[in-house]
């Protein structure tokens, strides 16, 4: 099922998983350093044959490549996109298949608890249905901008439109 797309990308606000990417970048750096430690032991194997083989450097190197790939994906690809149609929510894996679009006219109101990085979109006044979005993947410096954009867009609606 194809979702409606905005024809003008300049009307979109994209928020990536850059806050989440930091963890993967640090993991990749640590794993790369671990691989280098195994390689630095090569000259000392003649003196101490009990040192691990340099082939063991491939294990942390593989984890470093995996973490680097995930970090790059989190940095480049969108997590949330605010469009004139609504909020597009992209999962980390298979976003083309599991994309969720919440239309602005479906949202009755939104709330964001002060002590938690969450945005709760309510579909009705009784708070029986809705979507809970974690804002942890978004960088802290961008969370306020995202919340301001969502609350501003919801405030622009006319009271009669639902």
C-alpha atoms as a PDB file:
ATOM      1  CA  UNK A   1       0.000   0.000   0.000  1.00  0.00           C
ATOM      2  CA  UNK A   2       1.546   3.267  -1.091  1.00  0.00           C
ATOM      3  CA  UNK A   3       1.212   6.166   1.279  1.00  0.00           C
ATOM      4  CA  UNK A   4       0.466   9.678   0.050  1.00  0.00           C
ATOM      5  CA  UNK A   5       3.653  11.646  -0.521  1.00  0.00           C
ATOM      6  CA  UNK A   6       4.299  15.362  -0.432  1.00  0.00           C
ATOM      7  CA  UNK A   7       5.268  16.674  -3.836  1.00  0.00           C
ATOM      8  CA  UNK A   8       7.404  19.473  -2.380  1.00  0.00           C
ATOM      9  CA  UNK A   9      10.092  18.210   0.001  1.00  0.00           C
ATOM     10  CA  UNK A  10      10.770  21.778   1.153  1.00  0.00           C
ATOM     11  CA  UNK A  11       7.446  21.570   3.037  1.00  0.00           C
ATOM     12  CA  UNK A  12       8.775  18.733   5.209  1.00  0.00           C
ATOM     13  CA  UNK A  13      10.651  18.748   8.487  1.00  0.00           C
ATOM     14  CA  UNK A  14      12.848  15.652   8.826  1.00  0.00           C
ATOM     15  CA  UNK A  15      14.144  14.367  12.124  1.00  0.00           C
ATOM     16  CA  UNK A  16      16.752  11.605  12.028  1.00  0.00           C
ATOM     17  CA  UNK A  17      17.873   9.136  14.684  1.00  0.00           C
ATOM     18  CA  UNK A  18      21.007  11.183  15.320  1.00  0.00           C
ATOM     19  CA  UNK A  19      20.663  10.858  19.101  1.00  0.00           C
ATOM     20  CA  UNK A  20      20.594   7.093  18.753  1.00  0.00           C
ATOM     21  CA  UNK A  21      23.474   7.103  16.268  1.00  0.00           C
ATOM     22  CA  UNK A  22      25.912   8.397  18.890  1.00  0.00           C
ATOM     23  CA  UNK A  23      25.743   5.084  20.767  1.00  0.00           C
ATOM     24  CA  UNK A  24      26.534   3.142  17.597  1.00  0.00           C
ATOM     25  CA  UNK A  25      29.405   5.479  16.612  1.00  0.00           C
ATOM     26  CA  UNK A  26      30.985   5.036  20.052  1.00  0.00           C
ATOM     27  CA  UNK A  27      30.501   1.261  19.877  1.00  0.00           C
ATOM     28  CA  UNK A  28      32.139   1.180  16.446  1.00  0.00           C
ATOM     29  CA  UNK A  29      35.127   3.168  17.726  1.00  0.00           C
ATOM     30  CA  UNK A  30      35.582   0.924  20.768  1.00  0.00           C
ATOM     31  CA  UNK A  31      35.373  -2.240  18.649  1.00  0.00           C
ATOM     32  CA  UNK A  32      37.873  -0.810  16.167  1.00  0.00           C
ATOM     33  CA  UNK A  33      40.279  -0.087  19.016  1.00  0.00           C
ATOM     34  CA  UNK A  34      39.850  -3.655  20.288  1.00  0.00           C
ATOM     35  CA  UNK A  35      40.732  -4.980  16.835  1.00  0.00           C
ATOM     36  CA  UNK A  36      43.838  -2.784  16.771  1.00  0.00           C
ATOM     37  CA  UNK A  37      44.924  -4.139  20.155  1.00  0.00           C
ATOM     38  CA  UNK A  38      44.937  -7.669  18.741  1.00  0.00           C
ATOM     39  CA  UNK A  39      46.982  -6.471  15.761  1.00  0.00           C
ATOM     40  CA  UNK A  40      49.463  -4.652  17.998  1.00  0.00           C
ATOM     41  CA  UNK A  41      50.215  -7.944  19.759  1.00  0.00           C
ATOM     42  CA  UNK A  42      51.688  -9.477  16.569  1.00  0.00           C
ATOM     43  CA  UNK A  43      55.326  -8.420  17.240  1.00  0.00           C
ATOM     44  CA  UNK A  44      55.169  -9.832  20.773  1.00  0.00           C
ATOM     45  CA  UNK A  45      53.932 -13.318  19.766  1.00  0.00           C
ATOM     46  CA  UNK A  46      57.505 -14.506  19.173  1.00  0.00           C
ATOM     47  CA  UNK A  47      58.382 -13.773  22.811  1.00  0.00           C
ATOM     48  CA  UNK A  48      55.108 -15.057  24.265  1.00  0.00           C
ATOM     49  CA  UNK A  49      53.338 -17.687  22.122  1.00  0.00           C
ATOM     50  CA  UNK A  50      50.350 -17.752  24.508  1.00  0.00           C
ATOM     51  CA  UNK A  51      49.129 -14.386  23.191  1.00  0.00           C
ATOM     52  CA  UNK A  52      45.956 -14.625  21.119  1.00  0.00           C
ATOM     53  CA  UNK A  53      46.182 -15.000  17.382  1.00  0.00           C
ATOM     54  CA  UNK A  54      45.849 -11.870  15.206  1.00  0.00           C
ATOM     55  CA  UNK A  55      42.882 -13.589  13.564  1.00  0.00           C
ATOM     56  CA  UNK A  56      40.886 -12.691  16.686  1.00  0.00           C
ATOM     57  CA  UNK A  57      40.971  -9.084  15.491  1.00  0.00           C
ATOM     58  CA  UNK A  58      38.343 -10.039  12.885  1.00  0.00           C
ATOM     59  CA  UNK A  59      35.655 -10.485  15.571  1.00  0.00           C
ATOM     60  CA  UNK A  60      35.714  -6.920  16.949  1.00  0.00           C
ATOM     61  CA  UNK A  61      36.335  -5.621  13.431  1.00  0.00           C
ATOM     62  CA  UNK A  62      33.087  -7.261  12.269  1.00  0.00           C
ATOM     63  CA  UNK A  63      31.220  -5.704  15.200  1.00  0.00           C
ATOM     64  CA  UNK A  64      32.808  -2.338  14.395  1.00  0.00           C
ATOM     65  CA  UNK A  65      31.622  -2.547  10.796  1.00  0.00           C
ATOM     66  CA  UNK A  66      28.119  -3.539  11.875  1.00  0.00           C
ATOM     67  CA  UNK A  67      27.908  -0.741  14.450  1.00  0.00           C
ATOM     68  CA  UNK A  68      29.308   1.758  11.935  1.00  0.00           C
ATOM     69  CA  UNK A  69      26.733   0.727   9.362  1.00  0.00           C
ATOM     70  CA  UNK A  70      23.911   1.107  11.887  1.00  0.00           C
ATOM     71  CA  UNK A  71      25.281   4.492  12.979  1.00  0.00           C
ATOM     72  CA  UNK A  72      25.412   5.684   9.385  1.00  0.00           C
ATOM     73  CA  UNK A  73      21.866   4.487   8.804  1.00  0.00           C
ATOM     74  CA  UNK A  74      20.616   6.262  11.937  1.00  0.00           C
ATOM     75  CA  UNK A  75      22.418   9.455  10.957  1.00  0.00           C
ATOM     76  CA  UNK A  76      21.189   9.549   7.364  1.00  0.00           C
ATOM     77  CA  UNK A  77      17.658   8.183   7.403  1.00  0.00           C
ATOM     78  CA  UNK A  78      14.588   9.861   8.831  1.00  0.00           C
ATOM     79  CA  UNK A  79      12.806   8.736  11.979  1.00  0.00           C
ATOM     80  CA  UNK A  80       9.964  11.258  11.891  1.00  0.00           C
ATOM     81  CA  UNK A  81       8.888  13.538   9.053  1.00  0.00           C
ATOM     82  CA  UNK A  82       6.387  16.326   9.571  1.00  0.00           C
ATOM     83  CA  UNK A  83       4.509  16.967   6.331  1.00  0.00           C
ATOM     84  CA  UNK A  84       1.393  18.971   5.468  1.00  0.00           C
ATOM     85  CA  UNK A  85      -0.471  15.615   5.512  1.00  0.00           C
ATOM     86  CA  UNK A  86       0.677  14.455   8.936  1.00  0.00           C
ATOM     87  CA  UNK A  87       3.516  12.753  10.795  1.00  0.00           C
ATOM     88  CA  UNK A  88       5.345   9.942   9.007  1.00  0.00           C
ATOM     89  CA  UNK A  89       6.929   7.456  11.409  1.00  0.00           C
ATOM     90  CA  UNK A  90       9.760   5.305  10.051  1.00  0.00           C
ATOM     91  CA  UNK A  91      10.939   2.228  11.978  1.00  0.00           C
ATOM     92  CA  UNK A  92      14.657   1.406  12.027  1.00  0.00           C
ATOM     93  CA  UNK A  93      14.312  -1.792   9.994  1.00  0.00           C
ATOM     94  CA  UNK A  94      12.245  -2.170   6.797  1.00  0.00           C
ATOM     95  CA  UNK A  95      10.878   1.381   6.808  1.00  0.00           C
ATOM     96  CA  UNK A  96       9.403   0.989   3.323  1.00  0.00           C
ATOM     97  CA  UNK A  97       7.192  -1.840   4.613  1.00  0.00           C
ATOM     98  CA  UNK A  98       6.285  -0.626   8.112  1.00  0.00           C
ATOM     99  CA  UNK A  99       5.879   3.131   7.557  1.00  0.00           C
ATOM    100  CA  UNK A 100       3.074   4.662   9.596  1.00  0.00           C
ATOM    101  CA  UNK A 101       1.366   7.905   8.632  1.00  0.00           C
ATOM    102  CA  UNK A 102      -0.665   9.734  11.274  1.00  0.00           C
ATOM    103  CA  UNK A 103      -2.784  12.369   9.559  1.00  0.00           C
ATOM    104  CA  UNK A 104      -3.183  15.738  11.260  1.00  0.00           C
ATOM    105  CA  UNK A 105      -6.981  15.466  11.169  1.00  0.00           C
ATOM    106  CA  UNK A 106      -6.796  12.146  13.106  1.00  0.00           C
ATOM    107  CA  UNK A 107      -5.049  13.807  16.064  1.00  0.00           C
ATOM    108  CA  UNK A 108      -7.297  15.354  18.690  1.00  0.00           C
ATOM    109  CA  UNK A 109      -4.463  16.615  20.890  1.00  0.00           C
ATOM    110  CA  UNK A 110      -0.843  15.895  21.762  1.00  0.00           C
ATOM    111  CA  UNK A 111       0.950  15.855  25.065  1.00  0.00           C
ATOM    112  CA  UNK A 112       4.575  15.498  26.043  1.00  0.00           C
ATOM    113  CA  UNK A 113       5.443  14.657  29.662  1.00  0.00           C
ATOM    114  CA  UNK A 114       8.090  16.929  31.164  1.00  0.00           C
ATOM    115  CA  UNK A 115      10.312  14.227  32.633  1.00  0.00           C
ATOM    116  CA  UNK A 116      10.170  11.721  29.733  1.00  0.00           C
ATOM    117  CA  UNK A 117      11.247  12.022  26.094  1.00  0.00           C
ATOM    118  CA  UNK A 118       7.808  11.056  24.776  1.00  0.00           C
ATOM    119  CA  UNK A 119       5.140  12.489  22.520  1.00  0.00           C
ATOM    120  CA  UNK A 120       1.651  11.081  22.973  1.00  0.00           C
ATOM    121  CA  UNK A 121      -0.774  11.714  20.127  1.00  0.00           C
ATOM    122  CA  UNK A 122      -4.398  11.186  21.202  1.00  0.00           C
ATOM    123  CA  UNK A 123      -7.087  10.392  18.645  1.00  0.00           C
ATOM    124  CA  UNK A 124      -9.971  11.301  20.973  1.00  0.00           C
ATOM    125  CA  UNK A 125     -10.655  13.448  24.021  1.00  0.00           C
ATOM    126  CA  UNK A 126     -11.110  10.388  26.271  1.00  0.00           C
ATOM    127  CA  UNK A 127      -7.507   9.282  25.526  1.00  0.00           C
ATOM    128  CA  UNK A 128      -8.630   5.798  24.478  1.00  0.00           C
ATOM    129  CA  UNK A 129      -6.633   5.603  21.260  1.00  0.00           C
ATOM    130  CA  UNK A 130      -3.470   7.129  19.951  1.00  0.00           C
ATOM    131  CA  UNK A 131       0.217   6.752  19.255  1.00  0.00           C
ATOM    132  CA  UNK A 132       3.103   7.001  21.694  1.00  0.00           C
ATOM    133  CA  UNK A 133       6.388   8.141  20.138  1.00  0.00           C
ATOM    134  CA  UNK A 134       9.690   8.015  21.931  1.00  0.00           C
ATOM    135  CA  UNK A 135      11.882  11.009  21.238  1.00  0.00           C
ATOM    136  CA  UNK A 136      15.050   9.307  22.504  1.00  0.00           C
ATOM    137  CA  UNK A 137      16.380   8.615  18.980  1.00  0.00           C
ATOM    138  CA  UNK A 138      16.240  12.337  18.183  1.00  0.00           C
ATOM    139  CA  UNK A 139      19.161  14.439  19.394  1.00  0.00           C
ATOM    140  CA  UNK A 140      18.341  16.392  22.558  1.00  0.00           C
ATOM    141  CA  UNK A 141      19.014  19.675  20.810  1.00  0.00           C
ATOM    142  CA  UNK A 142      16.305  18.860  18.214  1.00  0.00           C
ATOM    143  CA  UNK A 143      13.563  17.527  20.509  1.00  0.00           C
ATOM    144  CA  UNK A 144      12.328  20.983  21.459  1.00  0.00           C
ATOM    145  CA  UNK A 145      12.126  21.974  17.801  1.00  0.00           C
ATOM    146  CA  UNK A 146      10.131  18.847  16.992  1.00  0.00           C
ATOM    147  CA  UNK A 147       7.694  19.391  19.875  1.00  0.00           C
ATOM    148  CA  UNK A 148       7.290  23.045  18.989  1.00  0.00           C
ATOM    149  CA  UNK A 149       6.540  22.141  15.369  1.00  0.00           C
ATOM    150  CA  UNK A 150       3.934  19.513  16.321  1.00  0.00           C
ATOM    151  CA  UNK A 151       2.194  21.702  18.899  1.00  0.00           C
ATOM    152  CA  UNK A 152       2.319  24.674  16.520  1.00  0.00           C
ATOM    153  CA  UNK A 153       0.761  22.669  13.689  1.00  0.00           C
ATOM    154  CA  UNK A 154      -1.992  21.375  15.959  1.00  0.00           C
ATOM    155  CA  UNK A 155      -2.684  24.905  17.261  1.00  0.00           C
ATOM    156  CA  UNK A 156      -3.224  26.163  13.676  1.00  0.00           C
ATOM    157  CA  UNK A 157      -6.232  23.930  13.160  1.00  0.00           C
ATOM    158  CA  UNK A 158      -9.618  25.560  13.165  1.00  0.00           C
ATOM    159  CA  UNK A 159     -11.899  24.486  16.048  1.00  0.00           C
ATOM    160  CA  UNK A 160     -14.607  23.197  13.658  1.00  0.00           C
ATOM    161  CA  UNK A 161     -12.249  20.960  11.674  1.00  0.00           C
ATOM    162  CA  UNK A 162     -11.592  17.507  13.032  1.00  0.00           C
END
